[in-house]
Amino acid sequence: MAKSTKDDAQALFHSLRSSYSATPTNLKIIDLYVLFALSTALIQVGYMAIVGSFPFNSFLSGVLSCVGTAVLAICLRIQVNKENKEFKDLPPERAFADFILSNLVLHLVIMNFLG
């Protein structure tokens, strides 16, 4: 039974790898950006666990900034994806402009929260 589970896992990873290799380069770049933003948030949480959270507003602002940026990048990825039929009439330039504007608003709110 363990052999079957190992074969199933290998087949799943092979299927995921082959389907991700067909993904366009611009979507892979957005995926790397999301991974970077989330890893930065995890590093901040780890630092807070080790050192402490004296200026808690600063810690919260940093983590929410990273997570909010990752969420906005995921929204950008959804809008730019050519296979998504829901946003087929939306040009990629418009989606990127929405991403930039919403990031600006997010970081203005974060800066206000830092106080």
N, C-alpha and C. Protein backbone atom coordinates (compact mmCIF):
# COMPACT_ATOMS: atom_id res chain seq x y z
N MET A 1 0.81 -1.19 0.00
CA MET A 1 0.00 0.00 0.00
C MET A 1 0.86 1.26 0.00
N ALA A 2 2.00 1.24 0.66
CA ALA A 2 2.89 2.39 0.68
C ALA A 2 3.49 2.64 -0.70
N LYS A 3 3.72 1.58 -1.44
CA LYS A 3 4.26 1.72 -2.79
C LYS A 3 3.27 2.46 -3.68
N SER A 4 2.00 2.14 -3.54
CA SER A 4 0.96 2.80 -4.33
C SER A 4 0.87 4.28 -3.99
N THR A 5 1.00 4.62 -2.73
CA THR A 5 0.95 6.02 -2.31
C THR A 5 2.15 6.79 -2.86
N LYS A 6 3.33 6.17 -2.85
CA LYS A 6 4.52 6.82 -3.39
C LYS A 6 4.39 7.03 -4.90
N ASP A 7 3.86 6.04 -5.60
CA ASP A 7 3.66 6.19 -7.04
C ASP A 7 2.62 7.26 -7.36
N ASP A 8 1.59 7.33 -6.55
CA ASP A 8 0.57 8.36 -6.75
C ASP A 8 1.15 9.76 -6.53
N ALA A 9 1.97 9.90 -5.51
CA ALA A 9 2.58 11.20 -5.23
C ALA A 9 3.53 11.60 -6.36
N GLN A 10 4.29 10.64 -6.87
CA GLN A 10 5.19 10.94 -7.98
C GLN A 10 4.42 11.32 -9.23
N ALA A 11 3.32 10.64 -9.49
CA ALA A 11 2.49 10.96 -10.65
C ALA A 11 1.88 12.35 -10.50
N LEU A 12 1.47 12.70 -9.28
CA LEU A 12 0.90 14.02 -9.03
C LEU A 12 1.95 15.11 -9.26
N PHE A 13 3.16 14.92 -8.71
CA PHE A 13 4.22 15.92 -8.90
C PHE A 13 4.63 16.04 -10.36
N HIS A 14 4.68 14.92 -11.07
CA HIS A 14 5.02 14.96 -12.50
C HIS A 14 3.94 15.71 -13.28
N SER A 15 2.69 15.49 -12.93
CA SER A 15 1.59 16.19 -13.60
C SER A 15 1.63 17.68 -13.32
N LEU A 16 1.87 18.06 -12.06
CA LEU A 16 1.97 19.47 -11.71
C LEU A 16 3.15 20.14 -12.41
N ARG A 17 4.29 19.46 -12.46
CA ARG A 17 5.47 20.03 -13.10
C ARG A 17 5.25 20.21 -14.60
N SER A 18 4.63 19.24 -15.24
CA SER A 18 4.41 19.35 -16.68
C SER A 18 3.37 20.42 -17.01
N SER A 19 2.35 20.57 -16.18
CA SER A 19 1.35 21.61 -16.45
C SER A 19 1.90 23.00 -16.12
N TYR A 20 2.77 23.12 -15.12
CA TYR A 20 3.33 24.43 -14.79
C TYR A 20 4.38 24.86 -15.81
N SER A 21 5.00 23.91 -16.48
CA SER A 21 5.98 24.28 -17.50
C SER A 21 5.30 24.94 -18.70
N ALA A 22 4.01 24.72 -18.87
CA ALA A 22 3.27 25.35 -19.96
C ALA A 22 2.76 26.74 -19.58
N THR A 23 2.98 27.15 -18.35
CA THR A 23 2.53 28.46 -17.89
C THR A 23 3.39 29.55 -18.52
N PRO A 24 2.77 30.65 -18.96
CA PRO A 24 3.55 31.74 -19.56
C PRO A 24 4.53 32.36 -18.55
N THR A 25 5.58 32.98 -19.07
CA THR A 25 6.65 33.52 -18.24
C THR A 25 6.16 34.65 -17.35
N ASN A 26 5.27 35.50 -17.85
CA ASN A 26 4.81 36.62 -17.02
C ASN A 26 4.03 36.12 -15.80
N LEU A 27 3.31 35.02 -15.92
CA LEU A 27 2.62 34.47 -14.75
C LEU A 27 3.59 33.84 -13.77
N LYS A 28 4.67 33.26 -14.28
CA LYS A 28 5.69 32.69 -13.39
C LYS A 28 6.39 33.79 -12.60
N ILE A 29 6.60 34.95 -13.24
CA ILE A 29 7.23 36.07 -12.54
C ILE A 29 6.32 36.58 -11.43
N ILE A 30 5.02 36.65 -11.70
CA ILE A 30 4.07 37.06 -10.66
C ILE A 30 4.05 36.04 -9.53
N ASP A 31 4.14 34.75 -9.87
CA ASP A 31 4.19 33.71 -8.83
C ASP A 31 5.43 33.88 -7.94
N LEU A 32 6.56 34.21 -8.55
CA LEU A 32 7.77 34.44 -7.76
C LEU A 32 7.61 35.65 -6.84
N TYR A 33 6.94 36.69 -7.34
CA TYR A 33 6.71 37.88 -6.53
C TYR A 33 5.81 37.56 -5.33
N VAL A 34 4.78 36.76 -5.56
CA VAL A 34 3.90 36.34 -4.46
C VAL A 34 4.68 35.52 -3.44
N LEU A 35 5.51 34.61 -3.93
CA LEU A 35 6.32 33.80 -3.03
C LEU A 35 7.29 34.66 -2.22
N PHE A 36 7.88 35.67 -2.86
CA PHE A 36 8.78 36.59 -2.16
C PHE A 36 8.03 37.38 -1.08
N ALA A 37 6.84 37.88 -1.41
CA ALA A 37 6.08 38.67 -0.43
C ALA A 37 5.68 37.81 0.77
N LEU A 38 5.24 36.60 0.52
CA LEU A 38 4.83 35.73 1.62
C LEU A 38 6.03 35.27 2.46
N SER A 39 7.16 35.02 1.81
CA SER A 39 8.34 34.63 2.58
C SER A 39 8.84 35.80 3.43
N THR A 40 8.72 37.02 2.92
CA THR A 40 9.09 38.19 3.72
C THR A 40 8.19 38.31 4.95
N ALA A 41 6.90 38.04 4.78
CA ALA A 41 5.99 38.07 5.93
C ALA A 41 6.36 36.99 6.94
N LEU A 42 6.72 35.80 6.47
CA LEU A 42 7.12 34.74 7.40
C LEU A 42 8.42 35.09 8.13
N ILE A 43 9.35 35.73 7.45
CA ILE A 43 10.59 36.16 8.10
C ILE A 43 10.28 37.18 9.19
N GLN A 44 9.36 38.09 8.92
CA GLN A 44 8.99 39.09 9.93
C GLN A 44 8.33 38.44 11.14
N VAL A 45 7.50 37.44 10.90
CA VAL A 45 6.86 36.73 12.02
C VAL A 45 7.92 35.98 12.83
N GLY A 46 8.86 35.35 12.15
CA GLY A 46 9.94 34.66 12.86
C GLY A 46 10.80 35.62 13.67
N TYR A 47 11.10 36.76 13.09
CA TYR A 47 11.88 37.78 13.80
C TYR A 47 11.13 38.26 15.04
N MET A 48 9.82 38.46 14.90
CA MET A 48 9.01 38.90 16.04
C MET A 48 8.99 37.84 17.13
N ALA A 49 8.96 36.57 16.73
CA ALA A 49 8.95 35.49 17.73
C ALA A 49 10.27 35.42 18.49
N ILE A 50 11.36 35.73 17.80
CA ILE A 50 12.68 35.64 18.44
C ILE A 50 12.98 36.89 19.28
N VAL A 51 12.78 38.06 18.69
CA VAL A 51 13.20 39.31 19.32
C VAL A 51 12.11 39.89 20.22
N GLY A 52 10.88 39.81 19.78
CA GLY A 52 9.77 40.40 20.53
C GLY A 52 9.03 41.39 19.66
N SER A 53 7.93 41.85 20.16
CA SER A 53 7.09 42.74 19.35
C SER A 53 6.84 44.05 20.08
N PHE A 54 7.92 44.75 20.46
CA PHE A 54 7.72 45.99 21.21
C PHE A 54 6.91 47.02 20.41
N PRO A 55 7.35 47.45 19.24
CA PRO A 55 6.43 48.33 18.49
C PRO A 55 5.48 47.45 17.67
N PHE A 56 4.40 47.02 18.31
CA PHE A 56 3.50 46.05 17.68
C PHE A 56 2.87 46.61 16.42
N ASN A 57 2.61 47.92 16.37
CA ASN A 57 2.05 48.52 15.16
C ASN A 57 3.00 48.36 13.99
N SER A 58 4.28 48.48 14.22
CA SER A 58 5.26 48.31 13.14
C SER A 58 5.27 46.88 12.63
N PHE A 59 5.23 45.93 13.56
CA PHE A 59 5.19 44.53 13.15
C PHE A 59 3.93 44.25 12.34
N LEU A 60 2.80 44.71 12.84
CA LEU A 60 1.53 44.48 12.15
C LEU A 60 1.52 45.16 10.79
N SER A 61 2.05 46.34 10.70
CA SER A 61 2.10 47.05 9.42
C SER A 61 2.96 46.31 8.42
N GLY A 62 4.09 45.81 8.85
CA GLY A 62 4.98 45.08 7.94
C GLY A 62 4.36 43.81 7.42
N VAL A 63 3.77 43.05 8.31
CA VAL A 63 3.16 41.78 7.89
C VAL A 63 1.94 42.04 7.01
N LEU A 64 1.10 42.99 7.39
CA LEU A 64 -0.08 43.27 6.57
C LEU A 64 0.30 43.86 5.22
N SER A 65 1.39 44.58 5.16
CA SER A 65 1.87 45.10 3.88
C SER A 65 2.29 43.96 2.97
N CYS A 66 3.02 43.00 3.50
CA CYS A 66 3.47 41.86 2.70
C CYS A 66 2.30 40.99 2.25
N VAL A 67 1.40 40.70 3.16
CA VAL A 67 0.27 39.84 2.82
C VAL A 67 -0.68 40.57 1.86
N GLY A 68 -0.91 41.85 2.08
CA GLY A 68 -1.77 42.62 1.17
C GLY A 68 -1.18 42.71 -0.22
N THR A 69 0.12 42.90 -0.31
CA THR A 69 0.78 42.94 -1.61
C THR A 69 0.67 41.60 -2.31
N ALA A 70 0.80 40.50 -1.56
CA ALA A 70 0.68 39.17 -2.15
C ALA A 70 -0.75 38.95 -2.68
N VAL A 71 -1.73 39.37 -1.91
CA VAL A 71 -3.13 39.21 -2.36
C VAL A 71 -3.39 40.03 -3.62
N LEU A 72 -2.88 41.24 -3.67
CA LEU A 72 -3.06 42.07 -4.86
C LEU A 72 -2.33 41.47 -6.06
N ALA A 73 -1.18 40.86 -5.84
CA ALA A 73 -0.46 40.21 -6.93
C ALA A 73 -1.22 38.98 -7.44
N ILE A 74 -1.87 38.27 -6.54
CA ILE A 74 -2.69 37.13 -6.96
C ILE A 74 -3.86 37.61 -7.80
N CYS A 75 -4.45 38.72 -7.42
CA CYS A 75 -5.53 39.31 -8.23
C CYS A 75 -5.01 39.73 -9.60
N LEU A 76 -3.80 40.28 -9.64
CA LEU A 76 -3.19 40.64 -10.92
C LEU A 76 -2.99 39.40 -11.78
N ARG A 77 -2.53 38.31 -11.16
CA ARG A 77 -2.30 37.07 -11.90
C ARG A 77 -3.60 36.54 -12.49
N ILE A 78 -4.67 36.64 -11.73
CA ILE A 78 -5.96 36.17 -12.23
C ILE A 78 -6.42 37.01 -13.41
N GLN A 79 -6.21 38.31 -13.35
CA GLN A 79 -6.66 39.19 -14.42
C GLN A 79 -5.80 39.08 -15.68
N VAL A 80 -4.51 38.79 -15.53
CA VAL A 80 -3.60 38.73 -16.67
C VAL A 80 -3.64 37.38 -17.37
N ASN A 81 -4.09 36.35 -16.68
CA ASN A 81 -4.11 35.00 -17.23
C ASN A 81 -5.02 34.94 -18.46
N LYS A 82 -4.47 34.48 -19.57
CA LYS A 82 -5.22 34.42 -20.83
C LYS A 82 -6.30 33.34 -20.82
N GLU A 83 -6.11 32.31 -19.99
CA GLU A 83 -7.08 31.22 -19.93
C GLU A 83 -8.33 31.59 -19.13
N ASN A 84 -8.28 32.68 -18.39
CA ASN A 84 -9.42 33.11 -17.59
C ASN A 84 -10.40 33.86 -18.48
N LYS A 85 -11.57 33.29 -18.67
CA LYS A 85 -12.56 33.86 -19.58
C LYS A 85 -13.29 35.06 -18.98
N GLU A 86 -13.20 35.20 -17.68
CA GLU A 86 -13.93 36.27 -17.01
C GLU A 86 -13.34 37.65 -17.30
N PHE A 87 -12.04 37.71 -17.52
CA PHE A 87 -11.36 38.99 -17.75
C PHE A 87 -10.78 39.06 -19.16
N LYS A 88 -11.43 38.44 -20.13
CA LYS A 88 -10.87 38.39 -21.48
C LYS A 88 -10.86 39.76 -22.16
N ASP A 89 -11.78 40.66 -21.78
CA ASP A 89 -11.83 41.99 -22.39
C ASP A 89 -10.93 43.00 -21.70
N LEU A 90 -10.34 42.63 -20.58
CA LEU A 90 -9.49 43.54 -19.81
C LEU A 90 -8.06 43.47 -20.33
N PRO A 91 -7.52 44.59 -20.82
CA PRO A 91 -6.12 44.56 -21.29
C PRO A 91 -5.16 44.42 -20.12
N PRO A 92 -4.01 43.78 -20.34
CA PRO A 92 -3.04 43.59 -19.25
C PRO A 92 -2.52 44.91 -18.68
N GLU A 93 -2.46 45.95 -19.50
CA GLU A 93 -2.00 47.25 -19.01
C GLU A 93 -2.96 47.82 -17.98
N ARG A 94 -4.24 47.61 -18.22
CA ARG A 94 -5.25 48.09 -17.26
C ARG A 94 -5.16 47.32 -15.95
N ALA A 95 -4.96 46.00 -16.06
CA ALA A 95 -4.83 45.19 -14.85
C ALA A 95 -3.59 45.62 -14.05
N PHE A 96 -2.49 45.92 -14.75
CA PHE A 96 -1.28 46.35 -14.05
C PHE A 96 -1.48 47.73 -13.42
N ALA A 97 -2.19 48.62 -14.11
CA ALA A 97 -2.47 49.94 -13.54
C ALA A 97 -3.34 49.81 -12.29
N ASP A 98 -4.33 48.92 -12.33
CA ASP A 98 -5.15 48.67 -11.13
C ASP A 98 -4.29 48.13 -9.99
N PHE A 99 -3.34 47.27 -10.32
CA PHE A 99 -2.44 46.70 -9.31
C PHE A 99 -1.60 47.81 -8.67
N ILE A 100 -1.05 48.70 -9.48
CA ILE A 100 -0.22 49.79 -8.97
C ILE A 100 -1.05 50.74 -8.10
N LEU A 101 -2.24 51.10 -8.57
CA LEU A 101 -3.09 52.02 -7.81
C LEU A 101 -3.53 51.40 -6.48
N SER A 102 -3.93 50.15 -6.51
CA SER A 102 -4.36 49.51 -5.26
C SER A 102 -3.19 49.31 -4.31
N ASN A 103 -1.98 49.07 -4.83
CA ASN A 103 -0.80 48.99 -3.97
C ASN A 103 -0.51 50.34 -3.33
N LEU A 104 -0.69 51.40 -4.09
CA LEU A 104 -0.49 52.74 -3.55
C LEU A 104 -1.46 53.02 -2.40
N VAL A 105 -2.72 52.68 -2.60
CA VAL A 105 -3.73 52.88 -1.55
C VAL A 105 -3.41 52.01 -0.33
N LEU A 106 -3.03 50.76 -0.58
CA LEU A 106 -2.68 49.85 0.52
C LEU A 106 -1.53 50.42 1.35
N HIS A 107 -0.51 50.90 0.69
CA HIS A 107 0.65 51.37 1.44
C HIS A 107 0.40 52.73 2.09
N LEU A 108 -0.50 53.53 1.55
CA LEU A 108 -0.89 54.75 2.25
C LEU A 108 -1.63 54.43 3.55
N VAL A 109 -2.49 53.42 3.50
CA VAL A 109 -3.20 52.98 4.71
C VAL A 109 -2.20 52.40 5.71
N ILE A 110 -1.24 51.62 5.23
CA ILE A 110 -0.23 51.03 6.12
C ILE A 110 0.61 52.13 6.77
N MET A 111 0.99 53.13 5.99
CA MET A 111 1.77 54.25 6.56
C MET A 111 0.95 55.02 7.60
N ASN A 112 -0.33 55.14 7.37
CA ASN A 112 -1.20 55.81 8.34
C ASN A 112 -1.31 54.97 9.61
N PHE A 113 -1.32 53.66 9.48
CA PHE A 113 -1.43 52.78 10.63
C PHE A 113 -0.15 52.79 11.46
N LEU A 114 0.99 53.01 10.81
CA LEU A 114 2.25 53.09 11.54
C LEU A 114 2.20 54.19 12.58
N GLY A 115 1.59 55.31 12.17
CA GLY A 115 1.33 56.44 13.05
C GLY A 115 2.52 56.99 13.71
